[in-house]
Every structure is written in C-alpha cells, then in structure tokens.
Amino acid sequence: MSEVDLKIACDTYVQGLAKNLRIIPQKTLGQSSKPAWHFERRKRLSSSFFKDIGSRRASTPCTNLVKRIVHGSHVKTAAMSYDHHTATILNRLLAEHMNTSPGPPSRNAACMYTEKALSSALAQTVWWGKMVL
C-alpha cells in the first residue's frame, strides 16, 4: 500500500468515525429501558466482574461469585435514588424547553444540550448536569 493510499484510507476511516459519533448517541439513548437490551445484556459478562474473576484464588470457592454474577446485586443507595430522581426532573424540564417528549432518565441529560439552548430559568436550575433543589 502506498503512502497516498494509506492517507486516503485513514481519511475515509476518520470520516466514518465522525459520522458514527453523531449517529451512535441517537441510536443508543434510552436503550436500557427496552426489554431486548436487558435480554441481551443478561447473556454477557460485564467488565465489572473481571477483577473478581481474575483475582480469585483457586482455593476459594466460587459459589458466591457465581451467585453475584448470575443473580446480580440489587443495590440502590440514597445517592443513586437522588441521581435518578433529579435526572428525571431535568429530563422533563429539558424536554419541555425543547418541545419534545421526554426520553428515559439520563445522568448526562444536560450534556446533550448546549448552554445556549437552555432558557435562563432552566439554566438557573441546572448546574453541571445536576438539578439544584
């Protein structure tokens, strides 16, 4: 492959990445609210278990680890509840401001909108993506 061909191939690849950068967030937003996403995710081993699996001693029984992987841990701390609650409010306010229907709650909902797009009243309630109550 010549240097010119390599440059053309690299430019084409980078242009494809830029296109995907715009498309992927739109296609993946709210996917966790769909049953198909949960069905597919159940079949996969998430990266959060790799440390536990890799650092487990051969002499340690794996029963509890398998239970945790298969059944999961349904932890919901106060901070997690607060995050979900405020993300829901923020999502609703942004949807009202943008004249759209609210999607599923997202911790990073404010990141999708520029500061210029927010009204002054809404901008006063938003600080770094968190609702100030």
N, C-alpha and C. Protein backbone atom coordinates (compact mmCIF):
# COMPACT_ATOMS: atom_id res chain seq x y z
N MET A 1 0.86 -1.17 0.00
CA MET A 1 0.00 0.00 0.00
C MET A 1 0.90 1.23 0.00
N SER A 2 0.62 2.12 -0.89
CA SER A 2 1.44 3.33 -0.99
C SER A 2 1.05 4.31 0.11
N GLU A 3 1.87 5.31 0.28
CA GLU A 3 1.61 6.32 1.30
C GLU A 3 0.34 7.11 0.99
N VAL A 4 0.10 7.36 -0.29
CA VAL A 4 -1.11 8.09 -0.71
C VAL A 4 -2.36 7.26 -0.42
N ASP A 5 -2.30 5.95 -0.75
CA ASP A 5 -3.44 5.07 -0.48
C ASP A 5 -3.71 4.97 1.02
N LEU A 6 -2.63 4.91 1.81
CA LEU A 6 -2.78 4.84 3.26
C LEU A 6 -3.44 6.11 3.79
N LYS A 7 -3.03 7.26 3.28
CA LYS A 7 -3.62 8.53 3.71
C LYS A 7 -5.11 8.58 3.35
N ILE A 8 -5.46 8.13 2.15
CA ILE A 8 -6.87 8.11 1.73
C ILE A 8 -7.68 7.18 2.62
N ALA A 9 -7.12 6.00 2.91
CA ALA A 9 -7.82 5.03 3.77
C ALA A 9 -8.01 5.60 5.17
N CYS A 10 -6.99 6.27 5.69
CA CYS A 10 -7.09 6.87 7.03
C CYS A 10 -8.14 7.97 7.06
N ASP A 11 -8.14 8.82 6.04
CA ASP A 11 -9.13 9.90 5.98
C ASP A 11 -10.55 9.35 5.90
N THR A 12 -10.74 8.31 5.10
CA THR A 12 -12.06 7.68 4.98
C THR A 12 -12.50 7.10 6.32
N TYR A 13 -11.57 6.45 7.01
CA TYR A 13 -11.87 5.86 8.31
C TYR A 13 -12.27 6.94 9.32
N VAL A 14 -11.52 8.03 9.36
CA VAL A 14 -11.81 9.11 10.30
C VAL A 14 -13.15 9.76 9.98
N GLN A 15 -13.49 9.91 8.71
CA GLN A 15 -14.79 10.47 8.34
C GLN A 15 -15.92 9.55 8.80
N GLY A 16 -15.70 8.24 8.69
CA GLY A 16 -16.69 7.28 9.17
C GLY A 16 -16.88 7.38 10.68
N LEU A 17 -15.77 7.60 11.41
CA LEU A 17 -15.86 7.77 12.86
C LEU A 17 -16.66 9.02 13.22
N ALA A 18 -16.42 10.09 12.49
CA ALA A 18 -17.15 11.33 12.76
C ALA A 18 -18.65 11.14 12.52
N LYS A 19 -18.99 10.40 11.48
CA LYS A 19 -20.41 10.12 11.20
C LYS A 19 -21.01 9.29 12.32
N ASN A 20 -20.28 8.25 12.76
CA ASN A 20 -20.77 7.40 13.84
C ASN A 20 -20.90 8.16 15.14
N LEU A 21 -20.03 9.14 15.35
CA LEU A 21 -20.07 9.94 16.57
C LEU A 21 -21.39 10.69 16.69
N ARG A 22 -21.98 11.05 15.57
CA ARG A 22 -23.28 11.73 15.59
C ARG A 22 -24.44 10.74 15.67
N ILE A 23 -24.30 9.58 15.06
CA ILE A 23 -25.40 8.62 14.96
C ILE A 23 -25.54 7.75 16.21
N ILE A 24 -24.44 7.27 16.76
CA ILE A 24 -24.49 6.31 17.86
C ILE A 24 -25.24 6.85 19.08
N PRO A 25 -24.98 8.08 19.55
CA PRO A 25 -25.75 8.54 20.72
C PRO A 25 -27.26 8.56 20.48
N GLN A 26 -27.69 8.90 19.27
CA GLN A 26 -29.12 8.92 18.97
C GLN A 26 -29.70 7.52 19.02
N LYS A 27 -28.96 6.53 18.52
CA LYS A 27 -29.48 5.17 18.46
C LYS A 27 -29.41 4.46 19.81
N THR A 28 -28.50 4.87 20.68
CA THR A 28 -28.33 4.16 21.95
C THR A 28 -29.02 4.84 23.12
N LEU A 29 -29.49 6.05 22.96
CA LEU A 29 -30.14 6.76 24.05
C LEU A 29 -31.42 6.03 24.46
N GLY A 30 -31.51 5.69 25.72
CA GLY A 30 -32.70 5.03 26.24
C GLY A 30 -32.79 3.54 25.97
N GLN A 31 -31.71 2.94 25.48
CA GLN A 31 -31.79 1.52 25.15
C GLN A 31 -31.99 0.65 26.39
N SER A 32 -31.56 1.11 27.55
CA SER A 32 -31.71 0.30 28.75
C SER A 32 -33.16 0.20 29.21
N SER A 33 -34.04 0.98 28.63
CA SER A 33 -35.46 0.89 29.00
C SER A 33 -36.20 -0.15 28.16
N LYS A 34 -35.51 -0.76 27.21
CA LYS A 34 -36.15 -1.74 26.34
C LYS A 34 -35.86 -3.16 26.81
N PRO A 35 -36.85 -4.06 26.78
CA PRO A 35 -36.66 -5.44 27.23
C PRO A 35 -35.58 -6.19 26.45
N ALA A 36 -35.45 -5.90 25.16
CA ALA A 36 -34.44 -6.59 24.35
C ALA A 36 -33.04 -6.29 24.85
N TRP A 37 -32.81 -5.08 25.32
CA TRP A 37 -31.49 -4.71 25.84
C TRP A 37 -31.17 -5.53 27.08
N HIS A 38 -32.15 -5.66 27.99
CA HIS A 38 -31.93 -6.45 29.20
C HIS A 38 -31.72 -7.92 28.87
N PHE A 39 -32.45 -8.43 27.89
CA PHE A 39 -32.31 -9.82 27.48
C PHE A 39 -30.90 -10.08 26.96
N GLU A 40 -30.41 -9.20 26.08
CA GLU A 40 -29.06 -9.37 25.52
C GLU A 40 -27.99 -9.15 26.57
N ARG A 41 -28.20 -8.21 27.46
CA ARG A 41 -27.19 -7.92 28.48
C ARG A 41 -27.04 -9.07 29.46
N ARG A 42 -28.11 -9.80 29.72
CA ARG A 42 -28.04 -10.94 30.64
C ARG A 42 -27.09 -12.01 30.15
N LYS A 43 -26.92 -12.10 28.84
CA LYS A 43 -26.06 -13.13 28.26
C LYS A 43 -24.58 -12.76 28.31
N ARG A 44 -24.28 -11.55 28.70
CA ARG A 44 -22.89 -11.08 28.66
C ARG A 44 -22.31 -10.94 30.07
N LEU A 45 -21.02 -11.08 30.13
CA LEU A 45 -20.30 -10.89 31.38
C LEU A 45 -19.76 -9.47 31.37
N SER A 46 -20.22 -8.64 32.28
CA SER A 46 -19.78 -7.25 32.27
C SER A 46 -18.36 -7.12 32.80
N SER A 47 -17.71 -6.05 32.44
CA SER A 47 -16.32 -5.84 32.83
C SER A 47 -16.16 -5.65 34.34
N SER A 48 -17.22 -5.31 35.02
CA SER A 48 -17.12 -5.09 36.46
C SER A 48 -16.80 -6.37 37.23
N PHE A 49 -16.99 -7.52 36.62
CA PHE A 49 -16.68 -8.78 37.29
C PHE A 49 -15.29 -9.31 36.97
N PHE A 50 -14.61 -8.74 36.00
CA PHE A 50 -13.32 -9.28 35.60
C PHE A 50 -12.29 -9.27 36.72
N LYS A 51 -12.27 -8.22 37.53
CA LYS A 51 -11.31 -8.17 38.63
C LYS A 51 -11.59 -9.29 39.62
N ASP A 52 -12.86 -9.48 39.96
CA ASP A 52 -13.22 -10.54 40.90
C ASP A 52 -12.85 -11.91 40.36
N ILE A 53 -13.09 -12.12 39.09
CA ILE A 53 -12.78 -13.41 38.48
C ILE A 53 -11.28 -13.62 38.39
N GLY A 54 -10.57 -12.60 37.94
CA GLY A 54 -9.13 -12.72 37.75
C GLY A 54 -8.34 -12.81 39.04
N SER A 55 -8.82 -12.21 40.10
CA SER A 55 -8.07 -12.21 41.36
C SER A 55 -8.52 -13.30 42.33
N ARG A 56 -9.49 -14.11 41.93
CA ARG A 56 -9.97 -15.18 42.81
C ARG A 56 -8.92 -16.28 42.92
N ARG A 57 -8.66 -16.70 44.11
CA ARG A 57 -7.71 -17.80 44.33
C ARG A 57 -8.36 -19.11 43.96
N ALA A 58 -7.54 -20.04 43.53
CA ALA A 58 -8.06 -21.36 43.15
C ALA A 58 -8.66 -22.07 44.35
N SER A 59 -8.16 -21.76 45.53
CA SER A 59 -8.65 -22.42 46.74
C SER A 59 -9.97 -21.83 47.25
N THR A 60 -10.35 -20.67 46.76
CA THR A 60 -11.58 -20.01 47.20
C THR A 60 -12.76 -20.56 46.41
N PRO A 61 -13.82 -21.00 47.11
CA PRO A 61 -14.99 -21.49 46.38
C PRO A 61 -15.63 -20.36 45.56
N CYS A 62 -16.10 -20.69 44.40
CA CYS A 62 -16.65 -19.66 43.51
C CYS A 62 -18.17 -19.53 43.63
N THR A 63 -18.77 -20.20 44.58
CA THR A 63 -20.23 -20.20 44.72
C THR A 63 -20.81 -18.79 44.86
N ASN A 64 -20.26 -18.01 45.77
CA ASN A 64 -20.80 -16.65 45.99
C ASN A 64 -20.58 -15.75 44.79
N LEU A 65 -19.43 -15.90 44.13
CA LEU A 65 -19.15 -15.11 42.94
C LEU A 65 -20.14 -15.44 41.83
N VAL A 66 -20.41 -16.71 41.63
CA VAL A 66 -21.37 -17.13 40.60
C VAL A 66 -22.76 -16.60 40.93
N LYS A 67 -23.16 -16.66 42.19
CA LYS A 67 -24.47 -16.12 42.58
C LYS A 67 -24.56 -14.63 42.27
N ARG A 68 -23.48 -13.90 42.58
CA ARG A 68 -23.47 -12.46 42.34
C ARG A 68 -23.54 -12.15 40.85
N ILE A 69 -22.85 -12.95 40.04
CA ILE A 69 -22.86 -12.72 38.59
C ILE A 69 -24.22 -13.08 37.99
N VAL A 70 -24.75 -14.22 38.37
CA VAL A 70 -26.00 -14.71 37.78
C VAL A 70 -27.21 -13.92 38.27
N HIS A 71 -27.29 -13.70 39.56
CA HIS A 71 -28.48 -13.06 40.13
C HIS A 71 -28.33 -11.56 40.30
N GLY A 72 -27.11 -11.08 40.31
CA GLY A 72 -26.87 -9.64 40.46
C GLY A 72 -27.10 -9.18 41.88
N SER A 73 -26.71 -7.98 42.12
CA SER A 73 -26.98 -7.38 43.42
C SER A 73 -27.85 -6.15 43.15
N HIS A 74 -28.94 -6.10 43.82
CA HIS A 74 -29.90 -5.02 43.58
C HIS A 74 -29.69 -3.93 44.63
N VAL A 75 -28.60 -3.22 44.47
CA VAL A 75 -28.25 -2.16 45.40
C VAL A 75 -28.81 -0.85 44.88
N LYS A 76 -29.47 -0.14 45.75
CA LYS A 76 -29.95 1.20 45.38
C LYS A 76 -29.71 2.10 46.57
N THR A 77 -28.62 2.82 46.51
CA THR A 77 -28.27 3.72 47.60
C THR A 77 -29.08 5.01 47.50
N ALA A 78 -29.00 5.80 48.55
CA ALA A 78 -29.70 7.08 48.55
C ALA A 78 -29.17 7.98 47.43
N ALA A 79 -27.86 7.92 47.20
CA ALA A 79 -27.27 8.74 46.13
C ALA A 79 -27.78 8.31 44.76
N MET A 80 -27.95 7.00 44.57
CA MET A 80 -28.47 6.50 43.30
C MET A 80 -29.92 6.95 43.11
N SER A 81 -30.71 6.89 44.16
CA SER A 81 -32.10 7.34 44.09
C SER A 81 -32.18 8.83 43.78
N TYR A 82 -31.31 9.61 44.42
CA TYR A 82 -31.28 11.05 44.18
C TYR A 82 -30.91 11.33 42.73
N ASP A 83 -29.88 10.65 42.23
CA ASP A 83 -29.46 10.82 40.84
C ASP A 83 -30.60 10.52 39.88
N HIS A 84 -31.30 9.42 40.10
CA HIS A 84 -32.40 9.03 39.22
C HIS A 84 -33.52 10.07 39.29
N HIS A 85 -33.84 10.50 40.50
CA HIS A 85 -34.91 11.48 40.68
C HIS A 85 -34.59 12.79 39.99
N THR A 86 -33.39 13.31 40.21
CA THR A 86 -33.02 14.59 39.61
C THR A 86 -32.85 14.48 38.11
N ALA A 87 -32.37 13.34 37.63
CA ALA A 87 -32.23 13.15 36.18
C ALA A 87 -33.61 13.14 35.52
N THR A 88 -34.59 12.55 36.19
CA THR A 88 -35.95 12.51 35.66
C THR A 88 -36.52 13.93 35.56
N ILE A 89 -36.32 14.72 36.60
CA ILE A 89 -36.81 16.10 36.59
C ILE A 89 -36.11 16.91 35.51
N LEU A 90 -34.79 16.78 35.45
CA LEU A 90 -34.01 17.52 34.46
C LEU A 90 -34.43 17.13 33.05
N ASN A 91 -34.62 15.84 32.84
CA ASN A 91 -35.03 15.35 31.52
C ASN A 91 -36.38 15.93 31.12
N ARG A 92 -37.32 15.97 32.07
CA ARG A 92 -38.65 16.53 31.78
C ARG A 92 -38.56 18.02 31.46
N LEU A 93 -37.78 18.77 32.25
CA LEU A 93 -37.64 20.20 32.01
C LEU A 93 -36.98 20.49 30.66
N LEU A 94 -35.96 19.72 30.34
CA LEU A 94 -35.29 19.91 29.05
C LEU A 94 -36.23 19.57 27.90
N ALA A 95 -37.01 18.51 28.06
CA ALA A 95 -37.96 18.12 27.02
C ALA A 95 -39.01 19.21 26.82
N GLU A 96 -39.50 19.78 27.93
CA GLU A 96 -40.47 20.87 27.82
C GLU A 96 -39.86 22.06 27.10
N HIS A 97 -38.63 22.38 27.47
CA HIS A 97 -37.97 23.53 26.85
C HIS A 97 -37.71 23.30 25.37
N MET A 98 -37.34 22.09 25.01
CA MET A 98 -37.01 21.78 23.62
C MET A 98 -38.25 21.36 22.82
N ASN A 99 -39.44 21.37 23.46
CA ASN A 99 -40.70 20.98 22.81
C ASN A 99 -40.63 19.57 22.23
N THR A 100 -40.11 18.64 23.02
CA THR A 100 -40.05 17.24 22.62
C THR A 100 -40.65 16.41 23.74
N SER A 101 -40.81 15.12 23.50
CA SER A 101 -41.29 14.26 24.57
C SER A 101 -40.09 13.78 25.37
N PRO A 102 -40.23 13.67 26.69
CA PRO A 102 -39.08 13.25 27.49
C PRO A 102 -38.73 11.80 27.23
N GLY A 103 -37.46 11.53 27.15
CA GLY A 103 -36.98 10.16 27.00
C GLY A 103 -36.74 9.57 28.36
N PRO A 104 -36.06 8.45 28.42
CA PRO A 104 -35.75 7.85 29.72
C PRO A 104 -34.75 8.72 30.48
N PRO A 105 -34.75 8.64 31.81
CA PRO A 105 -33.84 9.47 32.59
C PRO A 105 -32.39 9.16 32.25
N SER A 106 -31.59 10.19 32.24
CA SER A 106 -30.17 10.03 31.95
C SER A 106 -29.38 10.93 32.86
N ARG A 107 -28.32 10.41 33.46
CA ARG A 107 -27.48 11.23 34.33
C ARG A 107 -26.83 12.35 33.54
N ASN A 108 -26.61 12.12 32.26
CA ASN A 108 -25.91 13.10 31.44
C ASN A 108 -26.85 13.83 30.50
N ALA A 109 -28.10 13.97 30.89
CA ALA A 109 -29.08 14.60 30.00
C ALA A 109 -28.67 16.01 29.63
N ALA A 110 -28.08 16.74 30.56
CA ALA A 110 -27.70 18.12 30.28
C ALA A 110 -26.57 18.21 29.29
N CYS A 111 -25.78 17.18 29.17
CA CYS A 111 -24.65 17.19 28.23
C CYS A 111 -25.13 17.20 26.79
N MET A 112 -26.36 16.80 26.54
CA MET A 112 -26.87 16.72 25.18
C MET A 112 -27.29 18.09 24.65
N TYR A 113 -27.42 19.05 25.51
CA TYR A 113 -27.90 20.36 25.11
C TYR A 113 -26.83 21.40 25.40
N THR A 114 -26.69 22.34 24.54
CA THR A 114 -25.72 23.40 24.79
C THR A 114 -26.31 24.39 25.76
N GLU A 115 -25.44 25.14 26.39
CA GLU A 115 -25.90 26.14 27.36
C GLU A 115 -26.77 27.19 26.68
N LYS A 116 -26.49 27.50 25.42
CA LYS A 116 -27.27 28.50 24.70
C LYS A 116 -28.70 28.03 24.46
N ALA A 117 -28.91 26.70 24.40
CA ALA A 117 -30.23 26.17 24.13
C ALA A 117 -31.13 26.22 25.36
N LEU A 118 -30.54 26.39 26.53
CA LEU A 118 -31.33 26.40 27.75
C LEU A 118 -31.87 27.81 28.01
N SER A 119 -33.10 27.87 28.46
CA SER A 119 -33.65 29.18 28.81
C SER A 119 -32.99 29.65 30.09
N SER A 120 -33.08 30.92 30.38
CA SER A 120 -32.42 31.45 31.58
C SER A 120 -33.02 30.83 32.85
N ALA A 121 -34.32 30.60 32.88
CA ALA A 121 -34.93 29.99 34.06
C ALA A 121 -34.44 28.57 34.26
N LEU A 122 -34.33 27.83 33.17
CA LEU A 122 -33.86 26.45 33.26
C LEU A 122 -32.38 26.43 33.59
N ALA A 123 -31.62 27.35 33.02
CA ALA A 123 -30.18 27.39 33.27
C ALA A 123 -29.89 27.67 34.74
N GLN A 124 -30.78 28.39 35.42
CA GLN A 124 -30.57 28.66 36.84
C GLN A 124 -30.76 27.42 37.68
N THR A 125 -31.54 26.45 37.20
CA THR A 125 -31.77 25.24 37.98
C THR A 125 -30.77 24.13 37.66
N VAL A 126 -29.99 24.31 36.60
CA VAL A 126 -29.05 23.28 36.19
C VAL A 126 -27.64 23.71 36.54
N TRP A 127 -26.92 22.83 37.18
CA TRP A 127 -25.53 23.11 37.50
C TRP A 127 -24.73 21.84 37.32
N TRP A 128 -23.92 21.78 36.30
CA TRP A 128 -23.10 20.60 35.98
C TRP A 128 -23.94 19.34 35.84
N GLY A 129 -25.08 19.45 35.21
CA GLY A 129 -25.90 18.28 34.93
C GLY A 129 -26.74 17.83 36.11
N LYS A 130 -26.70 18.52 37.23
CA LYS A 130 -27.49 18.13 38.40
C LYS A 130 -28.54 19.20 38.66
N MET A 131 -29.68 18.76 39.11
CA MET A 131 -30.75 19.69 39.45
C MET A 131 -30.47 20.22 40.86
N VAL A 132 -30.50 21.51 41.01
CA VAL A 132 -30.30 22.12 42.32
C VAL A 132 -31.67 22.31 42.94
N LEU A 133 -31.95 21.55 43.97
CA LEU A 133 -33.27 21.62 44.61
C LEU A 133 -33.21 22.44 45.88
